Amino acid sequence: MQQQQAEVPSSLPTLDVPEWIKVTAALAGLVWGWLAPLDQLLIVLVLLDILSGIVCAAINRAVNSDASYRGMLKKALILILLAMAHFLDPYAGTLFQLANLNISVSSGVATFFAVNEVISITENAATAGVPIPKFLRDMLSKVPS
């Protein structure tokens, strides 16, 4: 008795993606691969902060396009400062030495802003009503806005 084989289509379905999307995705992947891990972390945290801010505003029924626009401009300035720090790296040498680690200007800038983004995400969560441990709430109350 012979087994029947299922018919396989001669060609798989293709996704008709515009050329400009393919090029943009390829360039974004290339740039992402060139970024230092701290830069990647900062970009992810910036995006998460934007998302948490939108969610927080929606939960509190306080969505404001003007506030969102100003917030996005501030995030753009953070990335501009990071780019500037990268241009300064070759001229500034290392920012400081800690336990035999050479910390560059760009690493210091990325770390500073990454910590600020974590604080902002936590503040957004607290404002949205997510339970935050008391010790964190106490720490956040001491941080200027």
N, C-alpha and C. Protein backbone atom coordinates (compact mmCIF):
# COMPACT_ATOMS: atom_id res chain seq x y z
N MET A 1 0.84 -1.17 0.00
CA MET A 1 0.00 0.00 0.00
C MET A 1 0.89 1.24 0.00
N GLN A 2 0.64 2.12 -0.91
CA GLN A 2 1.42 3.33 -1.02
C GLN A 2 0.79 4.46 -0.22
N GLN A 3 1.71 5.23 0.40
CA GLN A 3 1.23 6.40 1.14
C GLN A 3 1.10 7.57 0.17
N GLN A 4 0.03 8.30 0.36
CA GLN A 4 -0.13 9.50 -0.46
C GLN A 4 0.56 10.66 0.24
N GLN A 5 1.28 11.41 -0.52
CA GLN A 5 1.93 12.59 0.03
C GLN A 5 1.05 13.80 -0.22
N ALA A 6 1.05 14.67 0.78
CA ALA A 6 0.27 15.89 0.64
C ALA A 6 0.91 16.77 -0.42
N GLU A 7 0.07 17.47 -1.13
CA GLU A 7 0.59 18.37 -2.15
C GLU A 7 1.21 19.59 -1.47
N VAL A 8 2.38 19.90 -1.95
CA VAL A 8 3.08 21.07 -1.46
C VAL A 8 2.96 22.15 -2.51
N PRO A 9 2.52 23.34 -2.10
CA PRO A 9 2.40 24.40 -3.11
C PRO A 9 3.76 24.69 -3.75
N SER A 10 3.71 25.03 -5.01
CA SER A 10 4.96 25.26 -5.72
C SER A 10 5.71 26.48 -5.21
N SER A 11 4.99 27.41 -4.66
CA SER A 11 5.68 28.57 -4.10
C SER A 11 4.99 28.97 -2.80
N LEU A 12 5.79 29.37 -1.86
CA LEU A 12 5.24 29.82 -0.59
C LEU A 12 4.68 31.22 -0.77
N PRO A 13 3.70 31.57 0.05
CA PRO A 13 3.16 32.92 -0.09
C PRO A 13 4.22 33.96 0.24
N THR A 14 4.21 35.03 -0.48
CA THR A 14 5.19 36.09 -0.26
C THR A 14 4.49 37.29 0.36
N LEU A 15 5.26 37.98 1.13
CA LEU A 15 4.76 39.20 1.77
C LEU A 15 5.22 40.37 0.92
N ASP A 16 4.29 41.16 0.48
CA ASP A 16 4.62 42.29 -0.39
C ASP A 16 4.97 43.50 0.47
N VAL A 17 6.25 43.60 0.85
CA VAL A 17 6.73 44.69 1.69
C VAL A 17 7.37 45.74 0.80
N PRO A 18 6.96 47.01 0.97
CA PRO A 18 7.57 48.06 0.15
C PRO A 18 9.08 48.12 0.37
N GLU A 19 9.78 48.51 -0.69
CA GLU A 19 11.24 48.55 -0.66
C GLU A 19 11.78 49.48 0.42
N TRP A 20 11.13 50.62 0.65
CA TRP A 20 11.63 51.58 1.62
C TRP A 20 11.56 51.01 3.04
N ILE A 21 10.59 50.14 3.31
CA ILE A 21 10.51 49.51 4.64
C ILE A 21 11.65 48.51 4.80
N LYS A 22 11.95 47.76 3.75
CA LYS A 22 13.06 46.81 3.80
C LYS A 22 14.39 47.54 4.06
N VAL A 23 14.61 48.64 3.34
CA VAL A 23 15.85 49.39 3.48
C VAL A 23 15.94 50.00 4.88
N THR A 24 14.83 50.57 5.35
CA THR A 24 14.82 51.17 6.69
C THR A 24 15.09 50.13 7.76
N ALA A 25 14.48 48.97 7.65
CA ALA A 25 14.70 47.90 8.63
C ALA A 25 16.14 47.42 8.60
N ALA A 26 16.71 47.30 7.41
CA ALA A 26 18.10 46.86 7.29
C ALA A 26 19.04 47.88 7.91
N LEU A 27 18.81 49.16 7.64
CA LEU A 27 19.66 50.21 8.22
C LEU A 27 19.51 50.28 9.73
N ALA A 28 18.28 50.14 10.22
CA ALA A 28 18.06 50.15 11.68
C ALA A 28 18.80 48.98 12.34
N GLY A 29 18.74 47.82 11.72
CA GLY A 29 19.46 46.66 12.26
C GLY A 29 20.96 46.86 12.24
N LEU A 30 21.45 47.48 11.19
CA LEU A 30 22.89 47.75 11.08
C LEU A 30 23.34 48.73 12.15
N VAL A 31 22.59 49.82 12.32
CA VAL A 31 22.92 50.82 13.34
C VAL A 31 22.83 50.20 14.73
N TRP A 32 21.78 49.42 14.98
CA TRP A 32 21.61 48.79 16.29
C TRP A 32 22.80 47.90 16.61
N GLY A 33 23.29 47.19 15.63
CA GLY A 33 24.45 46.32 15.83
C GLY A 33 25.73 47.08 16.13
N TRP A 34 25.82 48.31 15.65
CA TRP A 34 27.01 49.13 15.90
C TRP A 34 26.99 49.77 17.28
N LEU A 35 25.82 49.87 17.87
CA LEU A 35 25.72 50.57 19.16
C LEU A 35 26.36 49.78 20.29
N ALA A 36 26.91 50.51 21.23
CA ALA A 36 27.45 49.87 22.44
C ALA A 36 26.28 49.35 23.28
N PRO A 37 26.50 48.30 24.07
CA PRO A 37 25.41 47.75 24.89
C PRO A 37 24.75 48.79 25.80
N LEU A 38 25.53 49.72 26.37
CA LEU A 38 24.92 50.75 27.22
C LEU A 38 24.02 51.68 26.40
N ASP A 39 24.40 51.95 25.17
CA ASP A 39 23.56 52.77 24.29
C ASP A 39 22.26 52.04 23.97
N GLN A 40 22.37 50.75 23.69
CA GLN A 40 21.16 49.96 23.43
C GLN A 40 20.25 49.95 24.65
N LEU A 41 20.85 49.77 25.83
CA LEU A 41 20.07 49.78 27.06
C LEU A 41 19.35 51.11 27.23
N LEU A 42 20.05 52.21 27.02
CA LEU A 42 19.44 53.53 27.17
C LEU A 42 18.28 53.71 26.19
N ILE A 43 18.45 53.29 24.96
CA ILE A 43 17.38 53.44 23.96
C ILE A 43 16.16 52.62 24.37
N VAL A 44 16.37 51.40 24.82
CA VAL A 44 15.25 50.56 25.27
C VAL A 44 14.55 51.21 26.46
N LEU A 45 15.33 51.73 27.41
CA LEU A 45 14.74 52.37 28.58
C LEU A 45 13.98 53.64 28.21
N VAL A 46 14.49 54.41 27.25
CA VAL A 46 13.78 55.60 26.78
C VAL A 46 12.44 55.20 26.19
N LEU A 47 12.42 54.15 25.36
CA LEU A 47 11.17 53.69 24.77
C LEU A 47 10.20 53.16 25.84
N LEU A 48 10.74 52.44 26.82
CA LEU A 48 9.88 51.94 27.90
C LEU A 48 9.34 53.09 28.75
N ASP A 49 10.13 54.14 28.95
CA ASP A 49 9.66 55.30 29.70
C ASP A 49 8.54 56.01 28.95
N ILE A 50 8.69 56.16 27.64
CA ILE A 50 7.63 56.77 26.83
C ILE A 50 6.35 55.94 26.95
N LEU A 51 6.49 54.63 26.79
CA LEU A 51 5.33 53.74 26.89
C LEU A 51 4.69 53.80 28.27
N SER A 52 5.52 53.77 29.33
CA SER A 52 4.96 53.82 30.68
C SER A 52 4.30 55.16 30.95
N GLY A 53 4.82 56.23 30.39
CA GLY A 53 4.20 57.54 30.55
C GLY A 53 2.84 57.61 29.88
N ILE A 54 2.73 57.03 28.69
CA ILE A 54 1.44 57.01 27.98
C ILE A 54 0.43 56.17 28.74
N VAL A 55 0.87 54.99 29.22
CA VAL A 55 -0.03 54.12 29.99
C VAL A 55 -0.48 54.82 31.28
N CYS A 56 0.45 55.46 31.97
CA CYS A 56 0.15 56.18 33.21
C CYS A 56 -0.87 57.29 32.95
N ALA A 57 -0.64 58.06 31.88
CA ALA A 57 -1.56 59.14 31.54
C ALA A 57 -2.95 58.59 31.18
N ALA A 58 -2.99 57.47 30.48
CA ALA A 58 -4.28 56.88 30.11
C ALA A 58 -5.03 56.38 31.35
N ILE A 59 -4.32 55.74 32.25
CA ILE A 59 -4.96 55.23 33.47
C ILE A 59 -5.52 56.38 34.30
N ASN A 60 -4.78 57.48 34.37
CA ASN A 60 -5.20 58.63 35.17
C ASN A 60 -6.07 59.61 34.39
N ARG A 61 -6.44 59.22 33.17
CA ARG A 61 -7.26 60.05 32.30
C ARG A 61 -6.67 61.46 32.16
N ALA A 62 -5.38 61.49 31.91
CA ALA A 62 -4.66 62.76 31.80
C ALA A 62 -3.82 62.82 30.53
N VAL A 63 -4.28 62.18 29.46
CA VAL A 63 -3.53 62.17 28.20
C VAL A 63 -3.50 63.59 27.66
N ASN A 64 -2.30 64.06 27.35
CA ASN A 64 -2.10 65.43 26.89
C ASN A 64 -1.06 65.40 25.79
N SER A 65 -1.47 65.73 24.58
CA SER A 65 -0.53 65.64 23.45
C SER A 65 0.62 66.64 23.59
N ASP A 66 0.35 67.81 24.20
CA ASP A 66 1.42 68.80 24.38
C ASP A 66 2.49 68.27 25.34
N ALA A 67 2.05 67.66 26.44
CA ALA A 67 3.00 67.09 27.40
C ALA A 67 3.78 65.94 26.75
N SER A 68 3.11 65.13 25.95
CA SER A 68 3.79 64.03 25.25
C SER A 68 4.84 64.57 24.29
N TYR A 69 4.48 65.61 23.57
CA TYR A 69 5.40 66.21 22.61
C TYR A 69 6.64 66.76 23.33
N ARG A 70 6.43 67.48 24.43
CA ARG A 70 7.57 68.00 25.19
C ARG A 70 8.43 66.86 25.74
N GLY A 71 7.79 65.80 26.21
CA GLY A 71 8.53 64.64 26.70
C GLY A 71 9.37 63.99 25.63
N MET A 72 8.81 63.87 24.42
CA MET A 72 9.56 63.26 23.32
C MET A 72 10.76 64.13 22.94
N LEU A 73 10.57 65.45 22.98
CA LEU A 73 11.70 66.35 22.68
C LEU A 73 12.81 66.19 23.72
N LYS A 74 12.44 66.01 24.97
CA LYS A 74 13.44 65.79 26.02
C LYS A 74 14.20 64.49 25.77
N LYS A 75 13.47 63.46 25.35
CA LYS A 75 14.13 62.18 25.05
C LYS A 75 15.09 62.34 23.87
N ALA A 76 14.69 63.14 22.88
CA ALA A 76 15.58 63.40 21.74
C ALA A 76 16.85 64.10 22.21
N LEU A 77 16.70 65.03 23.16
CA LEU A 77 17.88 65.72 23.69
C LEU A 77 18.81 64.77 24.43
N ILE A 78 18.25 63.79 25.12
CA ILE A 78 19.08 62.79 25.79
C ILE A 78 19.93 62.05 24.76
N LEU A 79 19.32 61.66 23.65
CA LEU A 79 20.06 60.93 22.62
C LEU A 79 21.08 61.84 21.93
N ILE A 80 20.76 63.13 21.79
CA ILE A 80 21.73 64.08 21.23
C ILE A 80 22.93 64.22 22.16
N LEU A 81 22.68 64.31 23.47
CA LEU A 81 23.78 64.39 24.44
C LEU A 81 24.64 63.13 24.40
N LEU A 82 24.01 61.97 24.23
CA LEU A 82 24.76 60.73 24.13
C LEU A 82 25.64 60.74 22.87
N ALA A 83 25.08 61.21 21.75
CA ALA A 83 25.87 61.29 20.52
C ALA A 83 27.04 62.24 20.70
N MET A 84 26.80 63.38 21.34
CA MET A 84 27.87 64.34 21.60
C MET A 84 28.96 63.71 22.46
N ALA A 85 28.57 62.94 23.47
CA ALA A 85 29.54 62.28 24.34
C ALA A 85 30.40 61.31 23.55
N HIS A 86 29.81 60.62 22.59
CA HIS A 86 30.59 59.70 21.74
C HIS A 86 31.62 60.47 20.92
N PHE A 87 31.26 61.65 20.44
CA PHE A 87 32.22 62.46 19.68
C PHE A 87 33.33 62.97 20.57
N LEU A 88 33.04 63.18 21.86
CA LEU A 88 34.05 63.66 22.79
C LEU A 88 34.99 62.56 23.27
N ASP A 89 34.55 61.32 23.22
CA ASP A 89 35.34 60.19 23.73
C ASP A 89 36.80 60.19 23.28
N PRO A 90 37.07 60.32 21.99
CA PRO A 90 38.49 60.25 21.58
C PRO A 90 39.34 61.38 22.14
N TYR A 91 38.72 62.50 22.45
CA TYR A 91 39.47 63.66 22.93
C TYR A 91 39.57 63.71 24.45
N ALA A 92 38.59 63.14 25.11
CA ALA A 92 38.54 63.24 26.58
C ALA A 92 39.25 62.08 27.26
N GLY A 93 39.51 61.02 26.55
CA GLY A 93 40.11 59.85 27.20
C GLY A 93 39.07 59.18 28.07
N THR A 94 39.49 58.78 29.25
CA THR A 94 38.55 58.12 30.16
C THR A 94 38.04 59.13 31.18
N LEU A 95 36.80 58.97 31.55
CA LEU A 95 36.16 59.87 32.50
C LEU A 95 36.78 59.70 33.88
N PHE A 96 36.90 58.46 34.31
CA PHE A 96 37.57 58.15 35.56
C PHE A 96 37.87 56.66 35.57
N GLN A 97 38.74 56.29 36.47
CA GLN A 97 39.06 54.88 36.59
C GLN A 97 38.46 54.37 37.89
N LEU A 98 37.78 53.24 37.76
CA LEU A 98 37.14 52.64 38.91
C LEU A 98 37.47 51.15 38.87
N ALA A 99 38.17 50.69 39.88
CA ALA A 99 38.55 49.27 39.97
C ALA A 99 39.20 48.80 38.67
N ASN A 100 40.13 49.60 38.16
CA ASN A 100 40.86 49.29 36.93
C ASN A 100 39.98 49.22 35.68
N LEU A 101 38.80 49.83 35.73
CA LEU A 101 37.94 49.92 34.55
C LEU A 101 38.04 51.34 34.01
N ASN A 102 38.30 51.46 32.75
CA ASN A 102 38.32 52.77 32.12
C ASN A 102 36.90 53.10 31.67
N ILE A 103 36.34 54.15 32.24
CA ILE A 103 34.96 54.55 31.93
C ILE A 103 35.03 55.76 30.99
N SER A 104 34.47 55.63 29.80
CA SER A 104 34.48 56.72 28.83
C SER A 104 33.39 57.74 29.15
N VAL A 105 33.48 58.89 28.50
CA VAL A 105 32.47 59.93 28.68
C VAL A 105 31.10 59.40 28.25
N SER A 106 31.05 58.72 27.12
CA SER A 106 29.77 58.21 26.62
C SER A 106 29.18 57.15 27.55
N SER A 107 30.03 56.33 28.15
CA SER A 107 29.53 55.34 29.11
C SER A 107 28.96 56.02 30.34
N GLY A 108 29.63 57.07 30.81
CA GLY A 108 29.12 57.81 31.96
C GLY A 108 27.79 58.48 31.66
N VAL A 109 27.68 59.09 30.48
CA VAL A 109 26.43 59.76 30.09
C VAL A 109 25.31 58.73 29.94
N ALA A 110 25.59 57.61 29.26
CA ALA A 110 24.57 56.58 29.07
C ALA A 110 24.11 56.01 30.40
N THR A 111 25.04 55.77 31.31
CA THR A 111 24.69 55.22 32.62
C THR A 111 23.83 56.21 33.41
N PHE A 112 24.23 57.49 33.42
CA PHE A 112 23.47 58.51 34.14
C PHE A 112 22.03 58.56 33.65
N PHE A 113 21.85 58.64 32.33
CA PHE A 113 20.49 58.75 31.80
C PHE A 113 19.72 57.43 31.93
N ALA A 114 20.40 56.31 31.86
CA ALA A 114 19.71 55.02 32.05
C ALA A 114 19.13 54.93 33.46
N VAL A 115 19.91 55.36 34.45
CA VAL A 115 19.41 55.36 35.83
C VAL A 115 18.21 56.30 35.95
N ASN A 116 18.29 57.48 35.31
CA ASN A 116 17.16 58.40 35.34
C ASN A 116 15.92 57.81 34.69
N GLU A 117 16.10 57.06 33.62
CA GLU A 117 14.96 56.43 32.95
C GLU A 117 14.32 55.37 33.85
N VAL A 118 15.14 54.60 34.55
CA VAL A 118 14.60 53.59 35.48
C VAL A 118 13.77 54.28 36.58
N ILE A 119 14.29 55.39 37.10
CA ILE A 119 13.56 56.14 38.12
C ILE A 119 12.24 56.65 37.55
N SER A 120 12.27 57.19 36.34
CA SER A 120 11.06 57.72 35.72
C SER A 120 10.02 56.63 35.47
N ILE A 121 10.46 55.47 35.01
CA ILE A 121 9.54 54.34 34.78
C ILE A 121 8.90 53.92 36.09
N THR A 122 9.70 53.88 37.16
CA THR A 122 9.17 53.51 38.48
C THR A 122 8.17 54.55 38.97
N GLU A 123 8.48 55.84 38.77
CA GLU A 123 7.55 56.90 39.15
C GLU A 123 6.24 56.79 38.37
N ASN A 124 6.33 56.51 37.08
CA ASN A 124 5.12 56.33 36.26
C ASN A 124 4.27 55.17 36.79
N ALA A 125 4.94 54.09 37.14
CA ALA A 125 4.21 52.94 37.68
C ALA A 125 3.50 53.30 38.98
N ALA A 126 4.21 54.02 39.86
CA ALA A 126 3.61 54.43 41.13
C ALA A 126 2.42 55.36 40.90
N THR A 127 2.56 56.31 39.97
CA THR A 127 1.48 57.24 39.67
C THR A 127 0.28 56.52 39.06
N ALA A 128 0.54 55.45 38.34
CA ALA A 128 -0.54 54.67 37.74
C ALA A 128 -1.23 53.76 38.75
N GLY A 129 -0.68 53.66 39.94
CA GLY A 129 -1.31 52.85 40.98
C GLY A 129 -0.71 51.47 41.16
N VAL A 130 0.41 51.21 40.51
CA VAL A 130 1.09 49.93 40.70
C VAL A 130 1.72 49.93 42.09
N PRO A 131 1.52 48.87 42.87
CA PRO A 131 2.10 48.86 44.22
C PRO A 131 3.64 48.86 44.15
N ILE A 132 4.22 49.83 44.84
CA ILE A 132 5.67 49.99 44.89
C ILE A 132 6.09 49.80 46.34
N PRO A 133 7.14 49.02 46.60
CA PRO A 133 7.58 48.82 47.99
C PRO A 133 7.89 50.16 48.67
N LYS A 134 7.66 50.20 49.98
CA LYS A 134 7.81 51.44 50.74
C LYS A 134 9.21 52.03 50.60
N PHE A 135 10.24 51.19 50.67
CA PHE A 135 11.60 51.72 50.60
C PHE A 135 11.84 52.43 49.26
N LEU A 136 11.23 51.91 48.17
CA LEU A 136 11.36 52.57 46.87
C LEU A 136 10.58 53.88 46.83
N ARG A 137 9.37 53.87 47.41
CA ARG A 137 8.57 55.10 47.47
C ARG A 137 9.32 56.17 48.25
N ASP A 138 9.95 55.77 49.35
CA ASP A 138 10.72 56.73 50.16
C ASP A 138 11.89 57.29 49.35
N MET A 139 12.57 56.42 48.59
CA MET A 139 13.69 56.87 47.78
C MET A 139 13.20 57.82 46.68
N LEU A 140 12.06 57.49 46.05
CA LEU A 140 11.54 58.33 44.98
C LEU A 140 11.11 59.69 45.50
N SER A 141 10.61 59.74 46.73
CA SER A 141 10.17 61.03 47.28
C SER A 141 11.35 61.98 47.50
N LYS A 142 12.54 61.44 47.59
CA LYS A 142 13.74 62.26 47.81
C LYS A 142 14.36 62.73 46.50
N VAL A 143 13.94 62.15 45.39
CA VAL A 143 14.50 62.49 44.08
C VAL A 143 13.73 63.69 43.53
N PRO A 144 14.45 64.78 43.17
CA PRO A 144 13.73 65.92 42.57
C PRO A 144 13.17 65.54 41.20
N SER A 145 12.05 66.09 40.84
CA SER A 145 11.41 65.76 39.56
C SER A 145 12.24 66.25 38.40
